[in-house]
C-alpha atoms as a PDB file:
ATOM      1  CA  MET A   1       0.000   0.000   0.000  1.00  0.00           C
ATOM      2  CA  ASP A   2       3.036   2.301  -0.205  1.00  0.00           C
ATOM      3  CA  ASN A   3       1.881   3.733  -3.533  1.00  0.00           C
ATOM      4  CA  TRP A   4      -1.684   4.354  -2.326  1.00  0.00           C
ATOM      5  CA  VAL A   5      -2.959   7.555  -0.711  1.00  0.00           C
ATOM      6  CA  SER A   6      -6.262   8.533   0.820  1.00  0.00           C
ATOM      7  CA  VAL A   7      -8.313  10.803  -1.413  1.00  0.00           C
ATOM      8  CA  PHE A   8     -11.606  10.723   0.510  1.00  0.00           C
ATOM      9  CA  GLU A   9     -12.616  10.032   4.114  1.00  0.00           C
ATOM     10  CA  THR A  10     -15.993   9.283   5.674  1.00  0.00           C
ATOM     11  CA  THR A  11     -17.612   7.265   8.438  1.00  0.00           C
ATOM     12  CA  GLU A  12     -20.387   5.954   6.168  1.00  0.00           C
ATOM     13  CA  THR A  13     -19.706   2.734   4.256  1.00  0.00           C
ATOM     14  CA  PHE A  14     -22.198   3.459   1.469  1.00  0.00           C
ATOM     15  CA  VAL A  15     -20.673   6.917   0.857  1.00  0.00           C
ATOM     16  CA  ALA A  16     -17.183   5.420   0.544  1.00  0.00           C
ATOM     17  CA  GLU A  17     -18.409   2.707  -1.819  1.00  0.00           C
ATOM     18  CA  ARG A  18     -20.217   5.273  -3.981  1.00  0.00           C
ATOM     19  CA  MET A  19     -17.111   7.453  -4.207  1.00  0.00           C
ATOM     20  CA  LYS A  20     -15.063   4.389  -5.149  1.00  0.00           C
ATOM     21  CA  GLU A  21     -17.552   3.671  -7.948  1.00  0.00           C
ATOM     22  CA  VAL A  22     -17.354   7.279  -9.178  1.00  0.00           C
ATOM     23  CA  LEU A  23     -13.559   7.059  -9.359  1.00  0.00           C
ATOM     24  CA  ILE A  24     -13.590   3.680 -11.108  1.00  0.00           C
ATOM     25  CA  GLU A  25     -16.114   4.988 -13.649  1.00  0.00           C
ATOM     26  CA  ALA A  26     -13.642   7.827 -14.339  1.00  0.00           C
ATOM     27  CA  GLY A  27     -10.907   5.269 -15.033  1.00  0.00           C
ATOM     28  CA  ILE A  28      -9.127   5.637 -11.703  1.00  0.00           C
ATOM     29  CA  PRO A  29      -8.411   2.425  -9.770  1.00  0.00           C
ATOM     30  CA  ALA A  30      -9.685   2.842  -6.197  1.00  0.00           C
ATOM     31  CA  VAL A  31     -10.121   0.728  -3.082  1.00  0.00           C
ATOM     32  CA  VAL A  32     -11.927   1.217   0.220  1.00  0.00           C
ATOM     33  CA  LEU A  33      -9.909   0.879   3.416  1.00  0.00           C
ATOM     34  CA  ASN A  34     -12.301   0.480   6.354  1.00  0.00           C
ATOM     35  CA  GLN A  35     -10.659   1.454   9.630  1.00  0.00           C
ATOM     36  CA  LEU A  36     -13.832   1.792  11.676  1.00  0.00           C
ATOM     37  CA  ASP A  37     -13.763   0.084  15.049  1.00  0.00           C
ATOM     38  CA  SER A  38     -15.887  -3.054  14.750  1.00  0.00           C
ATOM     39  CA  SER A  39     -17.404  -2.652  18.216  1.00  0.00           C
ATOM     40  CA  TYR A  40     -17.820   1.104  18.396  1.00  0.00           C
ATOM     41  CA  LYS A  41     -18.642   2.582  14.992  1.00  0.00           C
ATOM     42  CA  VAL A  42     -17.817   6.104  16.206  1.00  0.00           C
ATOM     43  CA  PHE A  43     -14.054   5.441  16.251  1.00  0.00           C
ATOM     44  CA  GLY A  44     -12.056   5.414  13.046  1.00  0.00           C
ATOM     45  CA  GLU A  45     -12.853   6.229   9.463  1.00  0.00           C
ATOM     46  CA  ILE A  46     -13.261   4.748   6.030  1.00  0.00           C
ATOM     47  CA  ASN A  47     -10.751   5.881   3.406  1.00  0.00           C
ATOM     48  CA  VAL A  48     -11.034   5.700  -0.361  1.00  0.00           C
ATOM     49  CA  MET A  49      -7.524   5.079  -1.632  1.00  0.00           C
ATOM     50  CA  VAL A  50      -5.960   5.726  -5.063  1.00  0.00           C
ATOM     51  CA  ASN A  51      -2.475   5.399  -6.528  1.00  0.00           C
ATOM     52  CA  LYS A  52      -0.248   8.419  -5.888  1.00  0.00           C
ATOM     53  CA  GLU A  53      -0.059   9.045  -9.645  1.00  0.00           C
ATOM     54  CA  ASP A  54      -3.860   9.386  -9.801  1.00  0.00           C
ATOM     55  CA  LEU A  55      -4.253  11.689  -6.787  1.00  0.00           C
ATOM     56  CA  GLN A  56      -4.696  14.973  -8.651  1.00  0.00           C
ATOM     57  CA  LYS A  57      -7.114  13.493 -11.190  1.00  0.00           C
ATOM     58  CA  ALA A  58      -9.070  11.775  -8.392  1.00  0.00           C
ATOM     59  CA  GLU A  59      -9.368  15.028  -6.435  1.00  0.00           C
ATOM     60  CA  THR A  60     -10.741  16.732  -9.551  1.00  0.00           C
ATOM     61  CA  VAL A  61     -13.272  13.937 -10.150  1.00  0.00           C
ATOM     62  CA  ILE A  62     -14.444  14.075  -6.523  1.00  0.00           C
ATOM     63  CA  LYS A  63     -14.778  17.860  -6.609  1.00  0.00           C
ATOM     64  CA  GLU A  64     -16.813  17.721  -9.832  1.00  0.00           C
ATOM     65  CA  TYR A  65     -19.017  14.967  -8.377  1.00  0.00           C
ATOM     66  CA  ASN A  66     -19.639  16.945  -5.175  1.00  0.00           C
ATOM     67  CA  ASP A  67     -20.399  20.104  -7.172  1.00  0.00           C
ATOM     68  CA  ARG A  68     -23.127  18.220  -9.083  1.00  0.00           C
ATOM     69  CA  GLU A  69     -24.723  16.804  -5.942  1.00  0.00           C
END
């Protein structure tokens, strides 16, 4: 995971999965890294990760998606 960076953070699984889908549809490989505590869902976060090379493009895609919503 050395070449992967977090491009989006949330505490909602469905939001992270949707953002992953948006990035994949834009041609950017993405994965969800769930770091929420399994017992207490208020601790931790869910990160959407992309390759370092795709960071700038991913940030642009996320901004455009959020502007539409």
